[in-house]
Amino acid sequence: MWADTGTILLGSVLLVFGADSLAQGVSGLLVRNSGQSWLRALAAAAVAALAPLLAIAIAAVLVGRAELAAGAALGGAIAQLGLLLALAALAAPLRVRVPTLAWLNPALIGAVVLVWLLGLDHAYSRLDGGIMLLAFVGIAALLARGIWRQRSLAESLSDAPAPSFSTSRSLLRLLVGGVLVGLGAWRVLVGTSGLATTILLNPLILALLVLGPVSAVAGAPTAILAARRGRGEIALAQALFAALAATLLLFGGVVLAHALAIPASIWRFELPVLLTLAVAVYPMMRSDGELSRREGAVLLLAWLGFLAIELWLSFA
């Protein structure tokens, strides 16, 4: 058990450094090939958020542990809201100045409702997975179109000096980041699989409790730094888009690759928790256009409460 825990911690550290290196590499390349700072900031945030989730999901599917990938996707979506978004808001209030980014929240709410409805028969078919992927592509296309139309406003997302990396150094960062993320994903997957066997817990539920938060923590430095620099839109977009991608793209991709029978608790507890967090963020942002430190603390406490109840239900 302790060896598995140590393996998970080692993998988590590798994921943090790997995600940061990938984000810096992407940012460096875009600086040299595009004068649009908002594109650099959003791309770096998206890479930092999605790379750990994608790596974990791909590794799990490759070794035939689709249930771990599914748990990581759902747990990652919950942790993006209750952990990463909360930590970013605690670092500095998050204000939205680009209207299109505010639509990420309603889109996420709709995505969770769709996933819940598709699974009312307690199983997900490959057709369900295809529907989720198509929904993600449609939402992503609409968001990209909206951001492009508001690119003059979006330029305010990043007013910090751009890093002066050479192309070769940026490519090296991408290479190192990819290796670290791959190794980290493999380590946390091995540790979680071993821990599930040791404590006799459903692998999907353990992945939801372990792999999900690990993937969120890996992207936390990028979100917190953006919040501290006054770029709240970046942190907010990172958390909401990652949750949306985890719910539709990753979970849908796993289901498309392997039809899954899901524990009943997913519909009774985990998906309702994800929906509750997504709905809770909406009035927080609509009231004054800002996610305050107090509201970040509320999200964090809600996520900790979810963990406590999940552990109690699993071991009671």
Protein backbone atom coordinates (compact mmCIF):
# COMPACT_ATOMS: atom_id res chain seq x y z
CA MET A 1 0.00 0.00 0.00
CA TRP A 2 2.74 2.48 0.94
CA ALA A 3 4.74 1.57 -2.14
CA ASP A 4 1.69 2.26 -4.32
CA THR A 5 1.13 5.58 -2.55
CA GLY A 6 4.75 6.55 -3.13
CA THR A 7 4.44 5.63 -6.80
CA ILE A 8 1.37 7.86 -7.11
CA LEU A 9 3.18 10.77 -5.43
CA LEU A 10 6.20 10.36 -7.70
CA GLY A 11 3.97 10.30 -10.75
CA SER A 12 2.14 13.40 -9.53
CA VAL A 13 5.40 15.35 -9.23
CA LEU A 14 6.43 14.29 -12.73
CA LEU A 15 3.05 15.38 -14.09
CA VAL A 16 3.35 18.83 -12.47
CA PHE A 17 6.79 19.49 -13.96
CA GLY A 18 5.84 17.92 -17.28
CA ALA A 19 2.66 19.95 -17.70
CA ASP A 20 4.53 23.16 -16.86
CA SER A 21 7.28 22.34 -19.35
CA LEU A 22 4.74 21.63 -22.09
CA ALA A 23 2.90 24.88 -21.39
CA GLN A 24 6.14 26.87 -21.50
CA GLY A 25 7.16 25.16 -24.73
CA VAL A 26 3.87 25.92 -26.45
CA SER A 27 3.98 29.50 -25.20
CA GLY A 28 7.54 29.95 -26.45
CA LEU A 29 6.72 28.65 -29.93
CA LEU A 30 3.66 30.87 -30.24
CA VAL A 31 5.63 33.93 -29.14
CA ARG A 32 7.97 33.45 -32.09
CA ASN A 33 5.21 32.71 -34.59
CA SER A 34 2.31 34.88 -33.43
CA GLY A 35 2.03 38.34 -31.96
CA GLN A 36 -1.26 37.51 -30.25
CA SER A 37 -0.55 37.19 -26.55
CA TRP A 38 -4.08 35.96 -25.78
CA LEU A 39 -3.57 32.96 -28.07
CA ARG A 40 -0.32 32.14 -26.29
CA ALA A 41 -1.94 32.39 -22.86
CA LEU A 42 -5.00 30.33 -23.74
CA ALA A 43 -2.98 27.67 -25.56
CA ALA A 44 -0.57 27.30 -22.64
CA ALA A 45 -3.46 26.98 -20.19
CA ALA A 46 -5.22 24.40 -22.37
CA VAL A 47 -2.06 22.30 -22.67
CA ALA A 48 -1.37 22.45 -18.93
CA ALA A 49 -4.94 21.38 -18.19
CA LEU A 50 -5.43 18.66 -20.80
CA ALA A 51 -2.00 17.03 -21.11
CA PRO A 52 -2.12 15.18 -17.74
CA LEU A 53 -5.72 14.06 -18.29
CA LEU A 54 -5.03 12.87 -21.82
CA ALA A 55 -1.85 11.05 -20.82
CA ILE A 56 -3.56 9.21 -17.96
CA ALA A 57 -6.59 8.27 -20.09
CA ILE A 58 -4.47 7.07 -23.03
CA ALA A 59 -2.18 5.03 -20.78
CA ALA A 60 -5.18 3.40 -19.08
CA VAL A 61 -6.86 2.49 -22.37
CA LEU A 62 -3.61 1.10 -23.80
CA VAL A 63 -3.23 -1.34 -20.89
CA GLY A 64 -6.88 -2.36 -21.06
CA ARG A 65 -8.00 -0.49 -17.92
CA ALA A 66 -10.80 1.58 -19.42
CA GLU A 67 -12.48 1.88 -16.02
CA LEU A 68 -9.45 3.77 -14.71
CA ALA A 69 -9.60 6.14 -17.66
CA ALA A 70 -13.33 6.73 -17.12
CA GLY A 71 -12.82 7.38 -13.41
CA ALA A 72 -9.94 9.75 -14.13
CA ALA A 73 -12.11 11.71 -16.59
CA LEU A 74 -15.06 12.16 -14.22
CA GLY A 75 -12.85 12.74 -11.19
CA GLY A 76 -10.79 15.21 -13.19
CA ALA A 77 -13.89 17.20 -14.15
CA ILE A 78 -14.97 17.42 -10.50
CA ALA A 79 -11.47 18.36 -9.32
CA GLN A 80 -11.10 21.07 -11.97
CA LEU A 81 -14.03 22.91 -10.39
CA GLY A 82 -13.67 22.04 -6.73
CA LEU A 83 -9.88 22.06 -6.51
CA LEU A 84 -8.11 23.88 -9.36
CA LEU A 85 -10.68 26.66 -9.82
CA ALA A 86 -10.94 27.08 -6.05
CA LEU A 87 -7.17 27.36 -5.60
CA ALA A 88 -6.94 29.91 -8.41
CA ALA A 89 -9.73 31.99 -6.86
CA LEU A 90 -8.03 31.82 -3.46
CA ALA A 91 -4.84 33.13 -5.08
CA ALA A 92 -6.69 36.13 -6.58
CA PRO A 93 -10.31 36.94 -7.54
CA LEU A 94 -11.14 35.78 -11.06
CA ARG A 95 -12.87 38.35 -13.25
CA VAL A 96 -14.29 37.60 -16.72
CA ARG A 97 -13.87 40.37 -19.29
CA VAL A 98 -14.46 38.34 -22.47
CA PRO A 99 -18.16 37.38 -22.86
CA THR A 100 -17.48 34.23 -24.88
CA LEU A 101 -15.50 32.65 -22.04
CA ALA A 102 -18.50 33.12 -19.73
CA TRP A 103 -20.40 30.64 -21.93
CA LEU A 104 -18.06 27.85 -20.88
CA ASN A 105 -20.03 27.44 -17.67
CA PRO A 106 -23.49 26.90 -19.27
CA ALA A 107 -21.84 24.62 -21.84
CA LEU A 108 -20.39 22.51 -19.02
CA ILE A 109 -23.78 22.30 -17.31
CA GLY A 110 -25.35 21.08 -20.54
CA ALA A 111 -22.54 18.55 -21.04
CA VAL A 112 -23.05 17.01 -17.60
CA VAL A 113 -26.80 16.74 -18.17
CA LEU A 114 -26.16 15.04 -21.52
CA VAL A 115 -23.79 12.48 -19.99
CA TRP A 116 -26.27 11.77 -17.20
CA LEU A 117 -29.15 11.24 -19.65
CA LEU A 118 -27.10 8.97 -21.92
CA GLY A 119 -26.30 6.73 -18.96
CA LEU A 120 -29.78 6.24 -17.55
CA ASP A 121 -29.56 2.55 -18.49
CA HIS A 122 -26.43 2.22 -16.27
CA ALA A 123 -24.23 1.57 -19.29
CA TYR A 124 -22.57 3.59 -22.03
CA SER A 125 -22.43 2.25 -25.58
CA ARG A 126 -20.05 3.28 -28.33
CA LEU A 127 -22.91 5.29 -29.83
CA ASP A 128 -23.12 7.26 -26.57
CA GLY A 129 -19.39 7.92 -26.79
CA GLY A 130 -19.76 9.18 -30.35
CA ILE A 131 -22.55 11.55 -29.30
CA MET A 132 -20.35 12.97 -26.53
CA LEU A 133 -17.45 13.54 -28.92
CA LEU A 134 -19.67 15.26 -31.48
CA ALA A 135 -21.10 17.49 -28.75
CA PHE A 136 -17.58 18.47 -27.67
CA VAL A 137 -16.50 19.27 -31.22
CA GLY A 138 -19.58 21.45 -31.72
CA ILE A 139 -19.11 23.35 -28.46
CA ALA A 140 -15.37 23.82 -29.04
CA ALA A 141 -16.00 25.15 -32.56
CA LEU A 142 -18.57 27.67 -31.30
CA LEU A 143 -16.26 28.81 -28.50
CA ALA A 144 -13.30 29.19 -30.86
CA ARG A 145 -15.44 31.23 -33.26
CA GLY A 146 -16.64 33.48 -30.45
CA ILE A 147 -13.14 34.07 -29.07
CA TRP A 148 -11.83 34.89 -32.54
CA ARG A 149 -14.57 37.47 -33.05
CA GLN A 150 -13.69 39.04 -29.69
CA ARG A 151 -9.94 38.83 -30.16
CA SER A 152 -9.46 42.55 -29.54
CA LEU A 153 -10.97 42.11 -26.09
CA ALA A 154 -9.13 38.84 -25.61
CA GLU A 155 -5.81 40.64 -26.00
CA SER A 156 -6.33 41.89 -22.45
CA LEU A 157 -5.97 38.32 -21.20
CA SER A 158 -2.20 38.49 -21.27
CA ASP A 159 -0.28 41.68 -20.78
CA ALA A 160 2.76 40.09 -19.15
CA PRO A 161 6.10 40.15 -21.02
CA ALA A 162 6.48 37.16 -23.32
CA PRO A 163 9.29 34.72 -22.48
CA SER A 164 12.23 35.04 -24.88
CA PHE A 165 12.80 31.37 -25.67
CA SER A 166 14.50 30.28 -28.87
CA THR A 167 12.72 27.79 -31.09
CA SER A 168 15.17 25.04 -30.18
CA ARG A 169 14.71 25.70 -26.47
CA SER A 170 10.93 25.67 -26.83
CA LEU A 171 11.08 22.38 -28.72
CA LEU A 172 13.33 20.96 -26.00
CA ARG A 173 10.78 22.00 -23.39
CA LEU A 174 8.07 20.23 -25.37
CA LEU A 175 10.17 17.08 -25.60
CA VAL A 176 11.07 17.06 -21.91
CA GLY A 177 7.50 17.89 -20.94
CA GLY A 178 6.10 15.09 -23.07
CA VAL A 179 8.48 12.56 -21.53
CA LEU A 180 7.74 13.71 -17.98
CA VAL A 181 3.98 13.69 -18.52
CA GLY A 182 4.14 10.22 -20.07
CA LEU A 183 6.24 8.82 -17.23
CA GLY A 184 4.10 10.56 -14.63
CA ALA A 185 0.88 9.21 -16.11
CA TRP A 186 2.32 5.71 -16.19
CA ARG A 187 3.49 5.92 -12.55
CA VAL A 188 0.17 7.19 -11.17
CA LEU A 189 -1.68 4.58 -13.21
CA VAL A 190 0.48 1.74 -11.88
CA GLY A 191 0.15 3.04 -8.32
CA THR A 192 -3.62 3.45 -8.53
CA SER A 193 -4.10 0.02 -10.07
CA GLY A 194 -2.01 -1.59 -7.33
CA LEU A 195 -3.78 0.37 -4.60
CA ALA A 196 -7.20 -0.69 -5.90
CA THR A 197 -6.15 -4.33 -5.65
CA THR A 198 -4.71 -3.85 -2.16
CA ILE A 199 -7.69 -2.10 -0.57
CA LEU A 200 -10.30 -3.99 -2.63
CA LEU A 201 -11.99 -0.87 -4.00
CA ASN A 202 -13.71 -0.48 -7.35
CA PRO A 203 -10.94 0.78 -9.70
CA LEU A 204 -13.25 3.33 -11.32
CA ILE A 205 -14.11 4.91 -7.95
CA LEU A 206 -10.47 4.95 -6.83
CA ALA A 207 -9.44 6.52 -10.12
CA LEU A 208 -12.11 9.15 -9.57
CA LEU A 209 -10.67 9.90 -6.11
CA VAL A 210 -6.97 9.73 -7.02
CA LEU A 211 -6.31 10.22 -10.73
CA GLY A 212 -8.82 13.06 -11.09
CA PRO A 213 -7.29 15.29 -8.39
CA VAL A 214 -3.77 14.40 -9.54
CA SER A 215 -4.54 15.64 -13.06
CA ALA A 216 -6.01 18.87 -11.67
CA VAL A 217 -3.03 19.51 -9.40
CA ALA A 218 -0.70 19.07 -12.39
CA GLY A 219 -2.28 22.09 -14.07
CA ALA A 220 -2.66 24.16 -10.90
CA PRO A 221 0.63 26.13 -11.16
CA THR A 222 -0.39 27.58 -14.54
CA ALA A 223 -3.85 28.58 -13.29
CA ILE A 224 -2.58 30.06 -10.02
CA LEU A 225 0.13 32.05 -11.80
CA ALA A 226 -2.43 33.43 -14.25
CA ALA A 227 -4.69 34.46 -11.37
CA ARG A 228 -1.84 36.15 -9.51
CA ARG A 229 -0.96 38.14 -12.64
CA GLY A 230 -4.50 39.47 -12.91
CA ARG A 231 -5.48 37.20 -15.81
CA GLY A 232 -8.48 35.59 -14.17
CA GLU A 233 -10.03 34.67 -17.52
CA ILE A 234 -7.13 32.34 -18.21
CA ALA A 235 -7.52 30.46 -14.93
CA LEU A 236 -11.29 30.31 -15.29
CA ALA A 237 -11.12 29.16 -18.91
CA GLN A 238 -8.52 26.54 -18.00
CA ALA A 239 -10.66 24.99 -15.28
CA LEU A 240 -13.99 25.12 -17.12
CA PHE A 241 -12.61 23.97 -20.47
CA ALA A 242 -10.69 21.12 -18.82
CA ALA A 243 -13.85 20.01 -17.00
CA LEU A 244 -15.80 20.20 -20.27
CA ALA A 245 -13.13 18.24 -22.14
CA ALA A 246 -12.91 15.62 -19.39
CA THR A 247 -16.69 15.15 -19.42
CA LEU A 248 -17.24 14.95 -23.18
CA LEU A 249 -13.91 14.41 -24.95
CA LEU A 250 -12.10 12.05 -22.57
CA PHE A 251 -15.05 10.20 -21.09
CA GLY A 252 -16.68 10.01 -24.50
CA GLY A 253 -13.45 8.80 -26.08
CA VAL A 254 -13.07 6.06 -23.47
CA VAL A 255 -16.66 4.93 -24.03
CA LEU A 256 -16.16 4.98 -27.80
CA ALA A 257 -13.12 2.72 -27.41
CA HIS A 258 -14.67 0.42 -24.79
CA ALA A 259 -18.38 0.22 -23.99
CA LEU A 260 -18.68 0.48 -20.19
CA ALA A 261 -21.03 -0.69 -17.48
CA ILE A 262 -20.85 1.98 -14.78
CA PRO A 263 -21.57 1.67 -11.03
CA ALA A 264 -24.99 3.03 -10.10
CA SER A 265 -23.36 5.55 -7.76
CA ILE A 266 -22.14 7.49 -10.82
CA TRP A 267 -25.73 8.59 -11.58
CA ARG A 268 -26.82 8.89 -7.96
CA PHE A 269 -23.80 10.77 -6.59
CA GLU A 270 -20.75 11.60 -8.72
CA LEU A 271 -22.50 13.14 -11.75
CA PRO A 272 -24.94 15.08 -9.52
CA VAL A 273 -21.94 16.42 -7.58
CA LEU A 274 -20.30 17.55 -10.82
CA LEU A 275 -23.56 19.17 -11.93
CA THR A 276 -23.96 20.88 -8.54
CA LEU A 277 -20.47 22.39 -8.72
CA ALA A 278 -21.01 23.57 -12.29
CA VAL A 279 -24.37 25.12 -11.40
CA ALA A 280 -22.91 26.72 -8.25
CA VAL A 281 -20.25 28.54 -10.28
CA TYR A 282 -22.88 30.15 -12.51
CA PRO A 283 -24.55 32.48 -9.95
CA MET A 284 -21.15 33.20 -8.39
CA MET A 285 -19.97 34.58 -11.73
CA ARG A 286 -23.25 36.20 -12.77
CA SER A 287 -23.71 38.21 -9.57
CA ASP A 288 -20.70 40.51 -10.02
CA GLY A 289 -18.75 38.96 -12.90
CA GLU A 290 -16.09 37.75 -10.49
CA LEU A 291 -15.22 34.60 -8.58
CA SER A 292 -14.06 35.88 -5.19
CA ARG A 293 -11.75 34.31 -2.63
CA ARG A 294 -14.74 33.51 -0.42
CA GLU A 295 -16.48 31.73 -3.28
CA GLY A 296 -13.26 29.86 -4.02
CA ALA A 297 -13.20 28.70 -0.41
CA VAL A 298 -16.80 27.50 -0.74
CA LEU A 299 -15.89 25.44 -3.82
CA LEU A 300 -12.88 23.93 -2.05
CA LEU A 301 -14.91 23.01 1.03
CA ALA A 302 -17.58 21.45 -1.20
CA TRP A 303 -14.93 19.36 -2.95
CA LEU A 304 -13.42 18.23 0.36
CA GLY A 305 -16.91 17.31 1.52
CA PHE A 306 -17.40 15.27 -1.64
CA LEU A 307 -14.15 13.38 -0.94
CA ALA A 308 -15.19 12.67 2.64
CA ILE A 309 -18.62 11.36 1.63
CA GLU A 310 -17.14 9.30 -1.22
CA LEU A 311 -14.65 7.67 1.13
CA TRP A 312 -17.37 6.99 3.68
CA LEU A 313 -19.63 5.40 1.06
CA SER A 314 -16.75 3.32 -0.28
CA PHE A 315 -15.58 1.89 3.03
CA ALA A 316 -18.74 1.93 5.16
